[in-house]
N, C-alpha and C. Protein backbone atom coordinates (compact mmCIF):
# COMPACT_ATOMS: atom_id res chain seq x y z
N MET A 1 87.32 10.95 -27.25
CA MET A 1 86.96 11.49 -25.96
C MET A 1 87.69 10.75 -24.85
N LYS A 2 87.82 9.46 -24.99
CA LYS A 2 88.51 8.68 -23.96
C LYS A 2 89.96 9.13 -23.82
N ASP A 3 90.58 9.51 -24.95
CA ASP A 3 91.95 10.01 -24.90
C ASP A 3 92.05 11.25 -24.03
N LEU A 4 91.08 12.15 -24.13
CA LEU A 4 91.10 13.36 -23.32
C LEU A 4 90.92 13.05 -21.84
N GLN A 5 90.18 12.02 -21.53
CA GLN A 5 90.00 11.64 -20.13
C GLN A 5 91.31 11.15 -19.52
N ASN A 6 92.23 10.69 -20.36
CA ASN A 6 93.53 10.23 -19.89
C ASN A 6 94.51 11.37 -19.64
N TRP A 7 94.11 12.59 -19.93
CA TRP A 7 95.00 13.74 -19.76
C TRP A 7 95.59 13.81 -18.36
N ARG A 8 94.82 13.61 -17.35
CA ARG A 8 95.28 13.75 -15.97
C ARG A 8 96.39 12.77 -15.62
N ILE A 9 96.46 11.65 -16.32
CA ILE A 9 97.51 10.68 -16.02
C ILE A 9 98.69 10.78 -16.98
N SER A 10 98.67 11.79 -17.85
CA SER A 10 99.79 11.99 -18.77
C SER A 10 100.99 12.53 -18.00
N ASP A 11 102.13 12.56 -18.63
CA ASP A 11 103.39 12.93 -17.97
C ASP A 11 103.55 14.43 -17.78
N GLY A 12 102.66 15.06 -17.01
CA GLY A 12 102.79 16.47 -16.67
C GLY A 12 102.49 17.45 -17.78
N ILE A 13 101.93 17.00 -18.89
CA ILE A 13 101.62 17.89 -19.99
C ILE A 13 100.37 18.71 -19.63
N ASP A 14 100.36 19.99 -20.01
CA ASP A 14 99.19 20.81 -19.71
C ASP A 14 98.03 20.43 -20.64
N PHE A 15 96.81 20.78 -20.24
CA PHE A 15 95.62 20.35 -20.95
C PHE A 15 95.58 20.82 -22.40
N ILE A 16 95.91 22.09 -22.63
CA ILE A 16 95.86 22.63 -23.99
C ILE A 16 96.83 21.89 -24.90
N SER A 17 98.04 21.63 -24.42
CA SER A 17 99.01 20.88 -25.22
C SER A 17 98.51 19.47 -25.49
N TYR A 18 97.84 18.87 -24.52
CA TYR A 18 97.31 17.53 -24.70
C TYR A 18 96.20 17.51 -25.74
N VAL A 19 95.33 18.52 -25.71
CA VAL A 19 94.27 18.63 -26.72
C VAL A 19 94.89 18.78 -28.10
N LYS A 20 95.89 19.61 -28.21
CA LYS A 20 96.58 19.81 -29.50
C LYS A 20 97.18 18.49 -29.99
N TYR A 21 97.76 17.73 -29.07
CA TYR A 21 98.33 16.43 -29.41
C TYR A 21 97.24 15.48 -29.91
N ILE A 22 96.10 15.42 -29.21
CA ILE A 22 95.00 14.53 -29.60
C ILE A 22 94.48 14.91 -30.98
N ILE A 23 94.34 16.21 -31.23
CA ILE A 23 93.89 16.66 -32.55
C ILE A 23 94.88 16.21 -33.62
N ALA A 24 96.16 16.37 -33.34
CA ALA A 24 97.18 16.01 -34.32
C ALA A 24 97.19 14.52 -34.64
N VAL A 25 97.02 13.66 -33.64
CA VAL A 25 97.09 12.23 -33.89
C VAL A 25 95.79 11.64 -34.40
N THR A 26 94.68 12.37 -34.26
CA THR A 26 93.40 11.83 -34.73
C THR A 26 92.91 12.47 -36.02
N ASP A 27 93.57 13.51 -36.47
CA ASP A 27 93.18 14.19 -37.70
C ASP A 27 93.81 13.45 -38.89
N PRO A 28 92.99 12.86 -39.76
CA PRO A 28 93.54 12.06 -40.85
C PRO A 28 94.20 12.88 -41.96
N GLU A 29 93.95 14.17 -42.02
CA GLU A 29 94.48 14.99 -43.10
C GLU A 29 95.80 15.63 -42.68
N TYR A 30 96.84 15.40 -43.46
CA TYR A 30 98.15 15.97 -43.17
C TYR A 30 98.17 17.44 -43.56
N ARG A 31 98.64 18.28 -42.66
CA ARG A 31 98.72 19.71 -42.91
C ARG A 31 100.12 20.20 -42.54
N PRO A 32 100.96 20.42 -43.52
CA PRO A 32 102.31 20.89 -43.18
C PRO A 32 102.25 22.25 -42.48
N GLY A 33 103.01 22.41 -41.42
CA GLY A 33 103.03 23.67 -40.70
C GLY A 33 101.72 23.98 -40.01
N PHE A 34 100.97 22.95 -39.64
CA PHE A 34 99.65 23.12 -39.03
C PHE A 34 99.74 23.92 -37.75
N ASN A 35 99.00 24.99 -37.69
CA ASN A 35 98.87 25.80 -36.47
C ASN A 35 97.40 25.99 -36.19
N ILE A 36 97.03 25.88 -34.94
CA ILE A 36 95.64 26.07 -34.55
C ILE A 36 95.50 27.42 -33.87
N THR A 37 94.45 28.12 -34.23
CA THR A 37 94.21 29.42 -33.60
C THR A 37 93.52 29.21 -32.26
N LEU A 38 93.63 30.20 -31.40
CA LEU A 38 92.96 30.13 -30.11
C LEU A 38 91.45 30.04 -30.28
N LYS A 39 90.92 30.77 -31.25
CA LYS A 39 89.47 30.74 -31.51
C LYS A 39 89.02 29.33 -31.89
N LYS A 40 89.77 28.68 -32.76
CA LYS A 40 89.42 27.33 -33.19
C LYS A 40 89.54 26.35 -32.02
N LEU A 41 90.56 26.52 -31.19
CA LEU A 41 90.72 25.65 -30.03
C LEU A 41 89.56 25.82 -29.06
N VAL A 42 89.11 27.04 -28.85
CA VAL A 42 87.95 27.29 -27.98
C VAL A 42 86.71 26.60 -28.54
N GLU A 43 86.52 26.67 -29.85
CA GLU A 43 85.38 26.00 -30.48
C GLU A 43 85.45 24.49 -30.27
N ILE A 44 86.63 23.92 -30.41
CA ILE A 44 86.81 22.48 -30.21
C ILE A 44 86.52 22.11 -28.76
N LEU A 45 87.04 22.89 -27.83
CA LEU A 45 86.80 22.61 -26.42
C LEU A 45 85.32 22.77 -26.07
N ASP A 46 84.66 23.75 -26.66
CA ASP A 46 83.22 23.91 -26.46
C ASP A 46 82.47 22.67 -26.92
N ARG A 47 82.84 22.16 -28.06
CA ARG A 47 82.17 20.96 -28.59
C ARG A 47 82.41 19.76 -27.68
N ILE A 48 83.60 19.68 -27.12
CA ILE A 48 83.90 18.60 -26.18
C ILE A 48 83.02 18.72 -24.94
N ILE A 49 82.87 19.94 -24.44
CA ILE A 49 82.04 20.16 -23.26
C ILE A 49 80.59 19.75 -23.54
N ILE A 50 80.10 20.09 -24.73
CA ILE A 50 78.72 19.78 -25.09
C ILE A 50 78.45 18.27 -25.07
N ILE A 51 79.40 17.47 -25.52
CA ILE A 51 79.17 16.02 -25.61
C ILE A 51 79.67 15.24 -24.40
N SER A 52 80.35 15.92 -23.49
CA SER A 52 80.94 15.22 -22.34
C SER A 52 79.94 15.03 -21.22
N SER A 53 79.80 13.80 -20.81
CA SER A 53 78.88 13.51 -19.71
C SER A 53 79.41 14.02 -18.37
N PHE A 54 80.70 14.29 -18.28
CA PHE A 54 81.28 14.78 -17.03
C PHE A 54 81.23 16.30 -16.90
N SER A 55 80.68 17.00 -17.90
CA SER A 55 80.56 18.46 -17.80
C SER A 55 79.19 18.82 -17.22
N CYS A 56 79.13 19.96 -16.60
CA CYS A 56 77.92 20.46 -15.94
C CYS A 56 76.81 20.68 -16.98
N ILE A 57 75.60 20.28 -16.64
CA ILE A 57 74.46 20.42 -17.56
C ILE A 57 74.23 21.89 -17.91
N ASP A 58 74.31 22.77 -16.91
CA ASP A 58 74.11 24.21 -17.16
C ASP A 58 75.15 24.75 -18.13
N LEU A 59 76.39 24.31 -17.98
CA LEU A 59 77.45 24.74 -18.89
C LEU A 59 77.20 24.23 -20.30
N ARG A 60 76.77 22.99 -20.43
CA ARG A 60 76.46 22.44 -21.76
C ARG A 60 75.36 23.26 -22.43
N ARG A 61 74.32 23.61 -21.68
CA ARG A 61 73.22 24.41 -22.24
C ARG A 61 73.71 25.79 -22.68
N LYS A 62 74.53 26.41 -21.84
CA LYS A 62 75.06 27.75 -22.15
C LYS A 62 75.88 27.72 -23.44
N ILE A 63 76.71 26.72 -23.58
CA ILE A 63 77.55 26.64 -24.78
C ILE A 63 76.72 26.30 -26.01
N LYS A 64 75.73 25.44 -25.87
CA LYS A 64 74.86 25.14 -27.01
C LYS A 64 74.19 26.41 -27.53
N LYS A 65 73.72 27.26 -26.62
CA LYS A 65 73.09 28.52 -27.02
C LYS A 65 74.06 29.42 -27.78
N LYS A 66 75.32 29.36 -27.41
CA LYS A 66 76.36 30.18 -28.06
C LYS A 66 76.45 29.87 -29.57
N TYR A 67 76.16 28.64 -29.95
CA TYR A 67 76.32 28.24 -31.34
C TYR A 67 75.00 28.14 -32.11
N ILE A 68 73.91 28.53 -31.48
CA ILE A 68 72.60 28.49 -32.17
C ILE A 68 72.36 29.79 -32.89
């Protein structure tokens, strides 16, 4: 999570590319030709929102309901 908070100070990389980079460097399983789908990326971002203290409480509740 701390790595994602550093996104704003990265060298001009957009947020989605930064998330993809974080996933790649923190995922212990090697996957040749790894491609992430937009649906999977949305799920990952939703999970980040749910656990992030800097996200809006109403948004966290809304996303939690989405996965119940």
